[in-house]
Amino acid sequence: MRLFTSDLHLGHHNIIEYCSRPFGSVDEMHDALVASWNEQVGHGDEVYILGDLALGKLDDSLQVVLLLQGHKILVPGNHDGCWRGRGKSEKQRARYESVGLEIVDRPEALEITKQRVLLSHFPTAGDVDGYVDKFSAWRPELRGEWLMHGHVHDRWRQRGREINVGIDAWGGRLVREDEIAAMIAAGEASREILPWR
C-alpha cells in the first residue's frame, strides 16, 4: 500500500501552537505521531513524505524516523536540510539517509486511477502566511495533472486539482492512496481540513 503525508515538523515545538496541534510538548507530539503512523503503516508499505519532516535539533528529530514503519520516501521541503534550495544540502543528505530515508528530489509523477499525479512539497500557489508566495522557482506548473503537496499545513485539504496531504490537514493521520483515488474520481473541489483526533 502507498500512503502520503507532509509537514510532520518533528522536533519543532512552535508548530504545536501554529497549527493548534493537541499536544503539550514535542515528546507528546512525537509519541502520538509515531503511534498513529504505525497503526496505519505496515512494514511492506511505502510512505511518501512531501517535505518538512524534521526541524529543531536535527540529530534528535531524525531519530524519531527510526520508529516509523514502512519504506519512507522523502521529497524534501524548504525546512529539510537536504532540500536542494538550501545551501550545503548535499552535506545534509547523509544525515537523512542514515535513518533509512530514500530521498527523491524530483520524483516521477505517480499514476493513480489512470491519472498522472505530481508530487511536490509546494502547491502551485499559496503560502503558510497567506500574503506572499515564497519559493516560486520551486512550485510546479500543472498541465492537466493532479498535484499532491504539503507546505500550507492547515489552510486547505483540497483546492481544485491540488490535494494537501499535510498532517495538519488530515487530523494527524496519513492519507491512503485509495482516499486520493476517491478524491480524484470526485473531481475538482474545495475541501476543508479535518480536525485532529
C-alpha atoms as a PDB file:
ATOM      1  CA  MET A   1       0.000   0.000   0.000  1.00  0.00           C
ATOM      2  CA  ARG A   2       1.113   3.577  -0.648  1.00  0.00           C
ATOM      3  CA  LEU A   3       0.425   6.395   1.804  1.00  0.00           C
ATOM      4  CA  PHE A   4       1.205  10.106   1.794  1.00  0.00           C
ATOM      5  CA  THR A   5       1.891  12.854   4.313  1.00  0.00           C
ATOM      6  CA  SER A   6       3.910  16.014   4.835  1.00  0.00           C
ATOM      7  CA  ASP A   7       4.885  18.671   7.337  1.00  0.00           C
ATOM      8  CA  LEU A   8       5.398  16.479  10.385  1.00  0.00           C
ATOM      9  CA  HIS A   9       7.855  19.092  11.720  1.00  0.00           C
ATOM     10  CA  LEU A  10       9.416  16.615  14.143  1.00  0.00           C
ATOM     11  CA  GLY A  11      11.298  18.451  16.887  1.00  0.00           C
ATOM     12  CA  HIS A  12       9.520  21.753  16.234  1.00  0.00           C
ATOM     13  CA  HIS A  13       7.878  22.980  19.409  1.00  0.00           C
ATOM     14  CA  ASN A  14       6.264  26.085  17.853  1.00  0.00           C
ATOM     15  CA  ILE A  15       4.317  24.021  15.313  1.00  0.00           C
ATOM     16  CA  ILE A  16       2.095  22.857  18.187  1.00  0.00           C
ATOM     17  CA  GLU A  17       0.773  26.383  18.648  1.00  0.00           C
ATOM     18  CA  TYR A  18       0.971  27.474  14.988  1.00  0.00           C
ATOM     19  CA  CYS A  19      -1.270  24.620  13.823  1.00  0.00           C
ATOM     20  CA  SER A  20      -3.281  24.043  17.013  1.00  0.00           C
ATOM     21  CA  ARG A  21      -1.922  20.543  17.452  1.00  0.00           C
ATOM     22  CA  PRO A  22      -3.404  18.957  20.597  1.00  0.00           C
ATOM     23  CA  PHE A  23      -0.119  18.359  22.413  1.00  0.00           C
ATOM     24  CA  GLY A  24       1.570  19.866  25.442  1.00  0.00           C
ATOM     25  CA  SER A  25       5.129  19.077  24.375  1.00  0.00           C
ATOM     26  CA  VAL A  26       7.283  17.893  21.496  1.00  0.00           C
ATOM     27  CA  ASP A  27       7.712  14.492  23.180  1.00  0.00           C
ATOM     28  CA  GLU A  28       3.934  14.097  23.448  1.00  0.00           C
ATOM     29  CA  MET A  29       3.597  15.077  19.777  1.00  0.00           C
ATOM     30  CA  HIS A  30       6.273  12.559  18.747  1.00  0.00           C
ATOM     31  CA  ASP A  31       4.614   9.755  20.726  1.00  0.00           C
ATOM     32  CA  ALA A  32       1.224  10.460  19.124  1.00  0.00           C
ATOM     33  CA  LEU A  33       2.596  10.792  15.588  1.00  0.00           C
ATOM     34  CA  VAL A  34       4.599   7.564  15.876  1.00  0.00           C
ATOM     35  CA  ALA A  35       1.604   5.661  17.297  1.00  0.00           C
ATOM     36  CA  SER A  36      -0.755   6.955  14.593  1.00  0.00           C
ATOM     37  CA  TRP A  37       1.782   6.273  11.826  1.00  0.00           C
ATOM     38  CA  ASN A  38       2.461   2.704  12.971  1.00  0.00           C
ATOM     39  CA  GLU A  39      -1.279   1.956  13.267  1.00  0.00           C
ATOM     40  CA  GLN A  40      -1.663   2.840   9.591  1.00  0.00           C
ATOM     41  CA  VAL A  41       1.609   1.645   8.059  1.00  0.00           C
ATOM     42  CA  GLY A  42       2.823  -1.930   7.727  1.00  0.00           C
ATOM     43  CA  HIS A  43       6.441  -2.912   7.204  1.00  0.00           C
ATOM     44  CA  GLY A  44       5.849  -3.525   3.474  1.00  0.00           C
ATOM     45  CA  ASP A  45       4.078  -0.218   2.842  1.00  0.00           C
ATOM     46  CA  GLU A  46       5.559   2.845   1.126  1.00  0.00           C
ATOM     47  CA  VAL A  47       5.088   6.299   2.625  1.00  0.00           C
ATOM     48  CA  TYR A  48       5.819   9.404   0.595  1.00  0.00           C
ATOM     49  CA  ILE A  49       6.687  12.329   2.885  1.00  0.00           C
ATOM     50  CA  LEU A  50       6.236  15.528   0.875  1.00  0.00           C
ATOM     51  CA  GLY A  51       8.640  17.677   2.832  1.00  0.00           C
ATOM     52  CA  ASP A  52       9.296  19.398   6.134  1.00  0.00           C
ATOM     53  CA  LEU A  53       9.925  16.213   8.056  1.00  0.00           C
ATOM     54  CA  ALA A  54      12.236  17.336  10.862  1.00  0.00           C
ATOM     55  CA  LEU A  55      13.299  20.599  12.458  1.00  0.00           C
ATOM     56  CA  GLY A  56      14.801  21.571  15.784  1.00  0.00           C
ATOM     57  CA  LYS A  57      17.905  19.699  16.872  1.00  0.00           C
ATOM     58  CA  LEU A  58      18.183  17.608  13.726  1.00  0.00           C
ATOM     59  CA  ASP A  59      20.045  14.615  15.140  1.00  0.00           C
ATOM     60  CA  ASP A  60      17.368  14.210  17.824  1.00  0.00           C
ATOM     61  CA  SER A  61      14.445  14.868  15.456  1.00  0.00           C
ATOM     62  CA  LEU A  62      15.668  12.403  12.855  1.00  0.00           C
ATOM     63  CA  GLN A  63      15.930   9.649  15.484  1.00  0.00           C
ATOM     64  CA  VAL A  64      12.119   9.628  15.627  1.00  0.00           C
ATOM     65  CA  VAL A  65      12.119   8.488  11.978  1.00  0.00           C
ATOM     66  CA  LEU A  66      13.715   5.214  13.088  1.00  0.00           C
ATOM     67  CA  LEU A  67      10.490   4.423  14.990  1.00  0.00           C
ATOM     68  CA  LEU A  68       8.273   4.801  11.895  1.00  0.00           C
ATOM     69  CA  GLN A  69       7.340   1.631   9.989  1.00  0.00           C
ATOM     70  CA  GLY A  70       7.439   1.180   6.237  1.00  0.00           C
ATOM     71  CA  HIS A  71       9.675   2.315   3.416  1.00  0.00           C
ATOM     72  CA  LYS A  72       9.914   6.102   3.750  1.00  0.00           C
ATOM     73  CA  ILE A  73      10.480   8.258   0.662  1.00  0.00           C
ATOM     74  CA  LEU A  74      11.216  11.930   1.317  1.00  0.00           C
ATOM     75  CA  VAL A  75      10.508  14.614  -1.256  1.00  0.00           C
ATOM     76  CA  PRO A  76      12.353  17.409   0.602  1.00  0.00           C
ATOM     77  CA  GLY A  77      10.660  20.661   1.562  1.00  0.00           C
ATOM     78  CA  ASN A  78      12.041  24.087   2.371  1.00  0.00           C
ATOM     79  CA  HIS A  79      12.658  23.197   6.050  1.00  0.00           C
ATOM     80  CA  ASP A  80      14.571  19.990   5.285  1.00  0.00           C
ATOM     81  CA  GLY A  81      18.342  20.323   5.450  1.00  0.00           C
ATOM     82  CA  CYS A  82      18.683  18.088   2.371  1.00  0.00           C
ATOM     83  CA  TRP A  83      16.426  20.295   0.195  1.00  0.00           C
ATOM     84  CA  ARG A  84      18.322  21.481  -2.895  1.00  0.00           C
ATOM     85  CA  GLY A  85      17.087  25.034  -2.348  1.00  0.00           C
ATOM     86  CA  ARG A  86      19.227  25.309   0.792  1.00  0.00           C
ATOM     87  CA  GLY A  87      22.964  25.723   0.975  1.00  0.00           C
ATOM     88  CA  LYS A  88      25.003  22.627   1.875  1.00  0.00           C
ATOM     89  CA  SER A  89      22.099  20.282   1.114  1.00  0.00           C
ATOM     90  CA  GLU A  90      24.467  17.565  -0.155  1.00  0.00           C
ATOM     91  CA  LYS A  91      26.284  17.517   3.182  1.00  0.00           C
ATOM     92  CA  GLN A  92      22.963  17.085   4.990  1.00  0.00           C
ATOM     93  CA  ARG A  93      21.739  14.311   2.717  1.00  0.00           C
ATOM     94  CA  ALA A  94      23.734  11.596   4.500  1.00  0.00           C
ATOM     95  CA  ARG A  95      22.139  12.515   7.839  1.00  0.00           C
ATOM     96  CA  TYR A  96      18.676  11.903   6.407  1.00  0.00           C
ATOM     97  CA  GLU A  97      19.703   8.707   4.634  1.00  0.00           C
ATOM     98  CA  SER A  98      21.267   7.370   7.859  1.00  0.00           C
ATOM     99  CA  VAL A  99      17.777   6.924   9.361  1.00  0.00           C
ATOM    100  CA  GLY A 100      16.507   4.920   6.393  1.00  0.00           C
ATOM    101  CA  LEU A 101      15.003   7.656   4.253  1.00  0.00           C
ATOM    102  CA  GLU A 102      15.086   7.417   0.487  1.00  0.00           C
ATOM    103  CA  ILE A 103      15.452  10.968  -0.819  1.00  0.00           C
ATOM    104  CA  VAL A 104      13.884  11.832  -4.155  1.00  0.00           C
ATOM    105  CA  ASP A 105      14.493  15.385  -5.305  1.00  0.00           C
ATOM    106  CA  ARG A 106      12.323  15.390  -8.412  1.00  0.00           C
ATOM    107  CA  PRO A 107      10.207  12.229  -8.445  1.00  0.00           C
ATOM    108  CA  GLU A 108       8.405  11.000 -11.477  1.00  0.00           C
ATOM    109  CA  ALA A 109       4.685  11.511 -11.292  1.00  0.00           C
ATOM    110  CA  LEU A 110       2.699   8.623  -9.907  1.00  0.00           C
ATOM    111  CA  GLU A 111      -0.265   7.123 -11.679  1.00  0.00           C
ATOM    112  CA  ILE A 112      -3.376   6.873  -9.530  1.00  0.00           C
ATOM    113  CA  THR A 113      -6.622   5.709 -11.137  1.00  0.00           C
ATOM    114  CA  LYS A 114      -5.078   6.329 -14.562  1.00  0.00           C
ATOM    115  CA  GLN A 115      -4.415   9.952 -13.622  1.00  0.00           C
ATOM    116  CA  ARG A 116      -0.955  11.497 -13.605  1.00  0.00           C
ATOM    117  CA  VAL A 117      -0.305  12.913 -10.133  1.00  0.00           C
ATOM    118  CA  LEU A 118       2.698  15.127  -9.433  1.00  0.00           C
ATOM    119  CA  LEU A 119       4.402  15.118  -6.039  1.00  0.00           C
ATOM    120  CA  SER A 120       5.828  18.334  -4.600  1.00  0.00           C
ATOM    121  CA  HIS A 121       6.266  19.951  -1.242  1.00  0.00           C
ATOM    122  CA  PHE A 122       4.788  23.142  -2.685  1.00  0.00           C
ATOM    123  CA  PRO A 123       1.338  23.873  -4.125  1.00  0.00           C
ATOM    124  CA  THR A 124       1.149  25.914  -7.317  1.00  0.00           C
ATOM    125  CA  ALA A 125       0.280  28.994  -5.239  1.00  0.00           C
ATOM    126  CA  GLY A 126      -0.478  29.822  -1.640  1.00  0.00           C
ATOM    127  CA  ASP A 127       1.771  30.034   1.348  1.00  0.00           C
ATOM    128  CA  VAL A 128       1.547  29.497   5.066  1.00  0.00           C
ATOM    129  CA  ASP A 129       1.437  33.193   5.890  1.00  0.00           C
ATOM    130  CA  GLY A 130      -1.178  33.811   3.195  1.00  0.00           C
ATOM    131  CA  TYR A 131       0.400  37.008   1.910  1.00  0.00           C
ATOM    132  CA  VAL A 132       3.405  36.156  -0.224  1.00  0.00           C
ATOM    133  CA  ASP A 133       4.015  33.073  -2.333  1.00  0.00           C
ATOM    134  CA  LYS A 134       7.582  32.190  -1.465  1.00  0.00           C
ATOM    135  CA  PHE A 135       9.779  29.735  -3.365  1.00  0.00           C
ATOM    136  CA  SER A 136       8.198  30.496  -6.742  1.00  0.00           C
ATOM    137  CA  ALA A 137      11.025  28.770  -8.632  1.00  0.00           C
ATOM    138  CA  TRP A 138      10.187  25.504  -6.852  1.00  0.00           C
ATOM    139  CA  ARG A 139       6.436  25.482  -7.451  1.00  0.00           C
ATOM    140  CA  PRO A 140       5.089  23.057 -10.052  1.00  0.00           C
ATOM    141  CA  GLU A 141       3.052  24.074 -13.070  1.00  0.00           C
ATOM    142  CA  LEU A 142       0.041  21.908 -13.778  1.00  0.00           C
ATOM    143  CA  ARG A 143      -0.787  20.917 -17.325  1.00  0.00           C
ATOM    144  CA  GLY A 144      -3.894  18.877 -16.650  1.00  0.00           C
ATOM    145  CA  GLU A 145      -2.324  16.688 -13.944  1.00  0.00           C
ATOM    146  CA  TRP A 146      -3.289  16.441 -10.311  1.00  0.00           C
ATOM    147  CA  LEU A 147      -0.892  17.512  -7.586  1.00  0.00           C
ATOM    148  CA  MET A 148      -0.222  16.186  -4.103  1.00  0.00           C
ATOM    149  CA  HIS A 149       1.650  18.648  -1.902  1.00  0.00           C
ATOM    150  CA  GLY A 150       2.236  19.950   1.609  1.00  0.00           C
ATOM    151  CA  HIS A 151       3.636  23.290   2.797  1.00  0.00           C
ATOM    152  CA  VAL A 152       0.357  25.033   3.630  1.00  0.00           C
ATOM    153  CA  HIS A 153      -0.328  22.987   6.793  1.00  0.00           C
ATOM    154  CA  ASP A 154      -3.934  23.653   7.825  1.00  0.00           C
ATOM    155  CA  ARG A 155      -5.016  26.134   5.125  1.00  0.00           C
ATOM    156  CA  TRP A 156      -6.945  23.625   2.957  1.00  0.00           C
ATOM    157  CA  ARG A 157      -7.214  19.910   2.192  1.00  0.00           C
ATOM    158  CA  GLN A 158      -8.173  20.153  -1.470  1.00  0.00           C
ATOM    159  CA  ARG A 159      -8.188  23.109  -3.817  1.00  0.00           C
ATOM    160  CA  GLY A 160      -9.184  22.323  -7.392  1.00  0.00           C
ATOM    161  CA  ARG A 161      -6.809  19.595  -8.629  1.00  0.00           C
ATOM    162  CA  GLU A 162      -4.408  20.084  -5.713  1.00  0.00           C
ATOM    163  CA  ILE A 163      -4.539  17.824  -2.662  1.00  0.00           C
ATOM    164  CA  ASN A 164      -2.719  18.872   0.503  1.00  0.00           C
ATOM    165  CA  VAL A 165      -1.530  15.702   2.262  1.00  0.00           C
ATOM    166  CA  GLY A 166      -0.153  17.659   5.234  1.00  0.00           C
ATOM    167  CA  ILE A 167      -0.596  16.018   8.622  1.00  0.00           C
ATOM    168  CA  ASP A 168      -2.424  19.127   9.893  1.00  0.00           C
ATOM    169  CA  ALA A 169      -4.978  18.991   7.059  1.00  0.00           C
ATOM    170  CA  TRP A 170      -5.852  15.345   7.762  1.00  0.00           C
ATOM    171  CA  GLY A 171      -6.337  15.426  11.524  1.00  0.00           C
ATOM    172  CA  GLY A 172      -2.965  13.928  12.389  1.00  0.00           C
ATOM    173  CA  ARG A 173      -3.098  10.912  10.125  1.00  0.00           C
ATOM    174  CA  LEU A 174      -1.574   9.813   6.838  1.00  0.00           C
ATOM    175  CA  VAL A 175      -3.547   9.665   3.583  1.00  0.00           C
ATOM    176  CA  ARG A 176      -4.042   6.324   1.837  1.00  0.00           C
ATOM    177  CA  GLU A 177      -3.798   6.006  -1.935  1.00  0.00           C
ATOM    178  CA  ASP A 178      -7.444   4.875  -2.148  1.00  0.00           C
ATOM    179  CA  GLU A 179      -8.501   8.153  -0.468  1.00  0.00           C
ATOM    180  CA  ILE A 180      -6.540  10.116  -3.066  1.00  0.00           C
ATOM    181  CA  ALA A 181      -8.129   7.998  -5.809  1.00  0.00           C
ATOM    182  CA  ALA A 182     -11.626   8.759  -4.470  1.00  0.00           C
ATOM    183  CA  MET A 183     -10.891  12.496  -4.385  1.00  0.00           C
ATOM    184  CA  ILE A 184      -9.609  12.394  -7.965  1.00  0.00           C
ATOM    185  CA  ALA A 185     -12.679  10.416  -9.078  1.00  0.00           C
ATOM    186  CA  ALA A 186     -14.941  13.017  -7.428  1.00  0.00           C
ATOM    187  CA  GLY A 187     -13.241  15.761  -9.436  1.00  0.00           C
ATOM    188  CA  GLU A 188     -12.089  19.256  -8.652  1.00  0.00           C
ATOM    189  CA  ALA A 189     -13.347  20.531  -5.320  1.00  0.00           C
ATOM    190  CA  SER A 190     -12.653  22.655  -2.280  1.00  0.00           C
ATOM    191  CA  ARG A 191     -12.318  20.622   0.892  1.00  0.00           C
ATOM    192  CA  GLU A 192     -11.693  21.934   4.384  1.00  0.00           C
ATOM    193  CA  ILE A 193      -9.249  20.343   6.792  1.00  0.00           C
ATOM    194  CA  LEU A 194     -10.199  17.539   9.182  1.00  0.00           C
ATOM    195  CA  PRO A 195      -9.901  18.105  12.946  1.00  0.00           C
ATOM    196  CA  TRP A 196      -7.150  16.424  14.945  1.00  0.00           C
ATOM    197  CA  ARG A 197      -8.451  13.328  16.644  1.00  0.00           C
END
